[in-house]
Amino acid sequence: MTPGHNDTLPSVDSDTPACPTAECAHSMGIDYVRCKVESIMQFKSKKYSKTICVHTLTDESADYVEGLYPFQSHLRVLLSNITDSPCNVLVASPTGSGKTFAIEEATRKALCTGQHLFVTQPLIALAEQVFARIGGGRNNKICLRTGPSCSVSSDDACVTVCTYEVLSRMCLKCPQALDTALMVIIDEIHYIASDRGPAILEILHACSRVPIVALSGTLPNQKQFAEFLASINCLPTFVTGARRRPIPVSYHTYDSKSCTCHVLKTTWPAAPPSIESEVLGGINNKQDLLACICCLQKWDSLPLLVVLFSCRKLEQFAEWASCQDHLNSNEKGRVTVLFRSMMRNVPEEDAVLFQALHARALRGIGSHHSHLPVPYLELVCRLAEERLVKIVFSSSTLSAGINLPVRTVLICGARMPQRDSTGKMTFDLLSPLLFTQLAGRAGRPGFESRGFCIIATTGKRGYASAQGLFMRRLQPVIPYDGLTEGDVLRACRHGRKIGVERTVFAHPEAKTNITYANELTHRLHRVRATCGYAISARAKAAADAILIIEQNPNAVTYARKAHDCVLCMWKSKHKIYCVAPREAAPSGATEITMVGSRQGRRIPLHIFAVVQATRLAMDTVAAAGEEALALASAEIYVQQNCHSCFLSPLALEENAIVAAMPAAYVSREAEGAVLTPLGQAACNIRTSTSPCILMDILLSTESDLSSETLAGILSLALGEGRTDADNKDAGDSDLLEVATVLQIIKDNPRLNDFSCLTQRSLTQGVILWVRGESLESICMRQSLCSVGTLCRHLVRVHDLAEETSQFCLEISVVQLALVCRQVLEQLCRGLPFLKRGSGRVS
């Protein structure tokens, strides 16, 4: 056995109170960092240039005063004085360290002052948990909004808990909705780097006069993000949080062949071990799973969360594990009571969907993934809180912060299935952010005194791969750059600019802070890079090449998409310059290596960018000529805060999207793009990423659509339920299929069976649902799709139908609006539209 490794997990004493110890020290003290903020976030049109102090609160004390951790005490002071001394607060603290205290404290402040507080969450389930935690349901001053309604008024409520999209809709309908608010709290702010980013950016745009409180447990570039928040409203920004979790988590591997555990090293080498995803997992049959559960039970490591990224395998694992009974008779009785309470809200025709789940729960087994109905997912969280479920099989659905307390997290796979832009299924390695979020589910305060995260492996090579997976560093959180047709529409509606100056966050160790800018005199002007080079006098060729970069926006994309093989760059005398990705470099970083000489050296990325731009400008592949040779020998010095050169694609994307929009929606005039009445109406359609094209297709049809046909068309437009055979871009192929189906209906007016026109399983499920079929018939007897997937899709179709109806009313297309209302009436029934919260029992 490797020295320093243990063959068993340390025993956990469940009776030990979960209170902070000296090992869970926090920090106290203030580190003042002065930064000149000359950049503004995207969608901003006014430029701020002001020196702002970013106050960083770091706590080193182990004191636990009045039931609060040190950073929570500082947080209470900041929030209590936020009316007199407005400021932004960034709570960057590990998972399970008490970030939700900020929401509770802000709620108390709002109820006392009578000012409005907005709390946004990434998931409806999270919003409901926060709503219940701060007293929702018992206090009419607190309201919960999770539907598509855009109404700003909320009776007499002082606190509104909602999702990102709901608050962004409010801001779009009334841009001044947040001006008088006490503050806006954005939980899990790191979602700004995902496809949820546009909704968060819409909220931030409306916060120019209101303090922002952002929460995250996985934010490595905290000071950079604080500068980003400070640039939004020019308020002092405080960064606070615990450095370590109050409940420590130890990391281990479990070898499925020898049934032994080994402790992972916590030192951070310069180059982490390589990761072989095929040796991670190791539990592939019933015997391996039961042996692992028995070992963990012997080591007193239950309750257990088993993480896999295949819903089919999760159900198979849950069925295997249910052969063991983990509950006594009293616990089984309590489970039955909770299930009966949930079933009172479930339609009788759907009761059969819960029979197998109930049988597993009576043996202490639960599941939590996207294929399951929402009431059951809520109930599983309640069962876990009451220690009535001992093993939960889950995908990544719990990583967002849903409270499901367990002692141990067992990761049984590191390959996540993803669909690429062509619709083909691929597998990506588990990201550091998701790994950190999943590991944070172990050892929740108030339930445990210690947590364990175990990576299942197989064979001798498994330990090194698990060590590499554990040692991967969190990547910086970068605001989402992608634009959709709807994003551009809403920006045009309020006269905002898309490709404006902004700060791009880089890896913390790279010390990068590059400003991108464009000229605001023209709306669709190209983006140019401000690199901040200090160039020597004899490097005129390099200076000329930098100008070439500005004229070739795609010149640097090669650095981001460098191939895995070594490519020849150019050849000069006996020296060959090559480019290849660096294995241990931060994400997106690439270095150039000169080979063929006795002493090879590395060429910085910014030199490669200049040379690449020169080569593209000269339209040559082999030799770059005298300019490139002069550039290779030039001495280029980079300022301390500059490291690489990437061009922001925002303005270019906006230009392309506006050019592709139908003229009936966007009028291209001399001063820029102006929305027509159709474009103004299309701004409210958020469920579809291409509202103009979709509405243009629907309005162009001359046939009278039935409610069944319209429901199928809206389902197709959402682009869900694709098969692996699809090869075209998802968005384009979806709208193309919609146009094709409408043409077939136009050519065959007597055709009344829409389901024969598509092979999409979800769309066929929607058609059957509109016809009155039950979920049991669609999902179990016909096996078209899972219950949870169909329920979510039906809700999305309902939202799109409601938005389409509103669009038609605004442009006076009454007939289509009436058909949309019929679709809404036929959709809205049964389990998919059951009032959320039925899984929670008082």
Foldseek 3Di string as FASTA:
>chain_A
DDPPWFFADAFFDQPDAQFFDLVQFWAADKDKDKDFQQFADFLDDDTDTDIFIAIEGTYGGRDQPPNHHPLLVVLLVCLLCCVVAPFAEEAAAAFQAPPLSNVLSNVVNQVVVVFAEEEAAADLLVLVVSCVVNPHPNDLLEEEDEALDLDLDDDSHRYYGYHLQNVLSVCLVPVQSCQRGAEYEYEQVLCLAPPCVLSVVSVLLSCLRYYYYYYHHFAPPQVVVQSNSCRSNVHHYYYTYGPGHSAAEWEWAAALVVRTIIGFDDDFDLFAFAADQVFWQNDDDLVSLVSNVVSCVVSNFWLEEEEDQDPVVLVVSLVSVLVAADDDPVLLVVLVVLVVLLCVQFDPVCPVVCPVQNSSLSRQEEEAELLDFQLRNLQQQVCQVVVSHTYYYYYLPCLSPNQRAIAEYEYRGQWHWDADQQRAIDTDGRALSSVSSRQSSHDRRPRGNHHYYYIYGHDPCGSSNVNRSNNDGRFHRWRHQDAFLLSLLSSQVVVTARQAWRWTDGGPVLLATWIKHFDPQARLTQIATDQQWDFDPQLVLLVVLSVLCSVPQCLLVCLLVPDQDWDWQEDDDQKTKIWHADPSDHHSAIWIWIDRDPDIDIDAAALVSSLSSQCVVVVDRYDSPPSSVSSVPGDIGGDSNGGHDHTRCGSVVSVVSLVPADCQAWPQDPRGIHGDLLSVLQSSQDLASHSRLLVVLVVPQPAQDALLLLLLLLLLQNQPQDDNPRRHRSNVVSSVLSNVLSVVCNVPVVDDDSLVSDPRLLSNVLSVLLVPDDLCCSCPVVNSGRSSVSLVSLSSSLSNLVSVLSSCVSVVVNSSNVSSVSNNVSSCDGSSNRDPPSSDDD
